[in-house]
Amino acid sequence: MKSSKILIFIVFTLAILAALCALFPPDGVEIAGKRLFFPTLEEILVREKSSSAAEKLEKLESDLRIRFVADSLAVEKDS
């Protein structure tokens, strides 16, 4: 395969993904009872300020804790 064809494929794929980022609604799309999200161009292109691995881990643990509590409340509400 020629390198020019590979480059065109990569550029085309990136263009499609960029279009999805721009057109996908920020609150996601609900399909079969599940909500699907797609990152925005800003989330992909803007660099995060460098932080230590420990800070990133703490943030991830906090996010997971919040989701777990929300899920637990939803289950209790449904019961």
C-alpha atoms as a PDB file:
ATOM      1  CA  MET A   1       0.000   0.000   0.000  1.00  0.00           C
ATOM      2  CA  LYS A   2       1.325   3.427  -0.879  1.00  0.00           C
ATOM      3  CA  SER A   3       2.205   5.833   1.890  1.00  0.00           C
ATOM      4  CA  SER A   4       0.021   8.515   0.280  1.00  0.00           C
ATOM      5  CA  LYS A   5      -3.051   6.265   0.617  1.00  0.00           C
ATOM      6  CA  ILE A   6      -2.236   5.621   4.263  1.00  0.00           C
ATOM      7  CA  LEU A   7      -1.893   9.356   4.909  1.00  0.00           C
ATOM      8  CA  ILE A   8      -5.228  10.067   3.183  1.00  0.00           C
ATOM      9  CA  PHE A   9      -6.896   7.352   5.281  1.00  0.00           C
ATOM     10  CA  ILE A  10      -5.502   8.801   8.532  1.00  0.00           C
ATOM     11  CA  VAL A  11      -6.530  12.364   7.622  1.00  0.00           C
ATOM     12  CA  PHE A  12     -10.002  11.196   6.569  1.00  0.00           C
ATOM     13  CA  THR A  13     -10.455   9.236   9.816  1.00  0.00           C
ATOM     14  CA  LEU A  14      -9.355  12.210  11.931  1.00  0.00           C
ATOM     15  CA  ALA A  15     -11.753  14.481   9.998  1.00  0.00           C
ATOM     16  CA  ILE A  16     -14.667  12.135  10.693  1.00  0.00           C
ATOM     17  CA  LEU A  17     -13.799  11.974  14.403  1.00  0.00           C
ATOM     18  CA  ALA A  18     -13.480  15.770  14.563  1.00  0.00           C
ATOM     19  CA  ALA A  19     -16.906  16.118  12.947  1.00  0.00           C
ATOM     20  CA  LEU A  20     -18.354  13.719  15.528  1.00  0.00           C
ATOM     21  CA  CYS A  21     -16.790  15.777  18.322  1.00  0.00           C
ATOM     22  CA  ALA A  22     -18.295  18.965  16.917  1.00  0.00           C
ATOM     23  CA  LEU A  23     -21.778  17.575  16.204  1.00  0.00           C
ATOM     24  CA  PHE A  24     -22.364  15.221  19.150  1.00  0.00           C
ATOM     25  CA  PRO A  25     -24.651  16.796  21.787  1.00  0.00           C
ATOM     26  CA  PRO A  26     -22.856  17.665  25.051  1.00  0.00           C
ATOM     27  CA  ASP A  27     -25.470  15.890  27.190  1.00  0.00           C
ATOM     28  CA  GLY A  28     -25.016  12.680  25.179  1.00  0.00           C
ATOM     29  CA  VAL A  29     -27.453  10.447  23.332  1.00  0.00           C
ATOM     30  CA  GLU A  30     -29.681   7.839  24.940  1.00  0.00           C
ATOM     31  CA  ILE A  31     -29.793   4.497  23.158  1.00  0.00           C
ATOM     32  CA  ALA A  32     -31.542   1.447  24.622  1.00  0.00           C
ATOM     33  CA  GLY A  33     -31.636   2.974  28.093  1.00  0.00           C
ATOM     34  CA  LYS A  34     -27.918   3.821  28.104  1.00  0.00           C
ATOM     35  CA  ARG A  35     -26.465   7.310  27.692  1.00  0.00           C
ATOM     36  CA  LEU A  36     -23.561   7.588  25.254  1.00  0.00           C
ATOM     37  CA  PHE A  37     -21.107  10.492  25.441  1.00  0.00           C
ATOM     38  CA  PHE A  38     -18.420  11.675  23.032  1.00  0.00           C
ATOM     39  CA  PRO A  39     -15.630  14.085  24.004  1.00  0.00           C
ATOM     40  CA  THR A  40     -15.638  17.636  22.673  1.00  0.00           C
ATOM     41  CA  LEU A  41     -12.843  19.006  20.525  1.00  0.00           C
ATOM     42  CA  GLU A  42     -11.762  21.164  23.463  1.00  0.00           C
ATOM     43  CA  GLU A  43     -11.402  18.133  25.721  1.00  0.00           C
ATOM     44  CA  ILE A  44      -9.214  16.447  23.131  1.00  0.00           C
ATOM     45  CA  LEU A  45      -7.087  19.361  21.965  1.00  0.00           C
ATOM     46  CA  VAL A  46      -6.534  21.375  25.167  1.00  0.00           C
ATOM     47  CA  ARG A  47      -3.683  20.087  27.247  1.00  0.00           C
ATOM     48  CA  GLU A  48      -4.294  19.461  30.892  1.00  0.00           C
ATOM     49  CA  LYS A  49      -1.993  21.193  33.347  1.00  0.00           C
ATOM     50  CA  SER A  50       0.515  18.630  34.425  1.00  0.00           C
ATOM     51  CA  SER A  51      -0.278  17.157  37.772  1.00  0.00           C
ATOM     52  CA  SER A  52       1.139  14.302  39.707  1.00  0.00           C
ATOM     53  CA  ALA A  53      -0.147  10.770  39.359  1.00  0.00           C
ATOM     54  CA  ALA A  54      -1.396  10.921  42.946  1.00  0.00           C
ATOM     55  CA  GLU A  55      -3.592  13.952  42.171  1.00  0.00           C
ATOM     56  CA  LYS A  56      -5.029  12.239  39.102  1.00  0.00           C
ATOM     57  CA  LEU A  57      -5.732   9.100  41.120  1.00  0.00           C
ATOM     58  CA  GLU A  58      -7.470  11.106  43.856  1.00  0.00           C
ATOM     59  CA  LYS A  59      -9.664  12.836  41.280  1.00  0.00           C
ATOM     60  CA  LEU A  60     -10.551   9.501  39.659  1.00  0.00           C
ATOM     61  CA  GLU A  61     -11.390   7.949  43.034  1.00  0.00           C
ATOM     62  CA  SER A  62     -13.573  10.942  43.896  1.00  0.00           C
ATOM     63  CA  ASP A  63     -15.435  10.699  40.579  1.00  0.00           C
ATOM     64  CA  LEU A  64     -15.984   6.975  41.050  1.00  0.00           C
ATOM     65  CA  ARG A  65     -17.209   7.502  44.618  1.00  0.00           C
ATOM     66  CA  ILE A  66     -19.756  10.067  43.400  1.00  0.00           C
ATOM     67  CA  ARG A  67     -20.973   7.707  40.658  1.00  0.00           C
ATOM     68  CA  PHE A  68     -21.223   4.810  43.120  1.00  0.00           C
ATOM     69  CA  VAL A  69     -23.328   6.875  45.518  1.00  0.00           C
ATOM     70  CA  ALA A  70     -25.573   8.071  42.679  1.00  0.00           C
ATOM     71  CA  ASP A  71     -26.027   4.512  41.432  1.00  0.00           C
ATOM     72  CA  SER A  72     -26.771   3.286  44.954  1.00  0.00           C
ATOM     73  CA  LEU A  73     -29.388   5.990  45.417  1.00  0.00           C
ATOM     74  CA  ALA A  74     -30.981   5.104  42.089  1.00  0.00           C
ATOM     75  CA  VAL A  75     -31.197   1.435  43.077  1.00  0.00           C
ATOM     76  CA  GLU A  76     -32.725   2.316  46.451  1.00  0.00           C
ATOM     77  CA  LYS A  77     -35.218   4.636  44.773  1.00  0.00           C
ATOM     78  CA  ASP A  78     -36.294   1.901  42.339  1.00  0.00           C
ATOM     79  CA  SER A  79     -36.784  -0.657  45.134  1.00  0.00           C
END
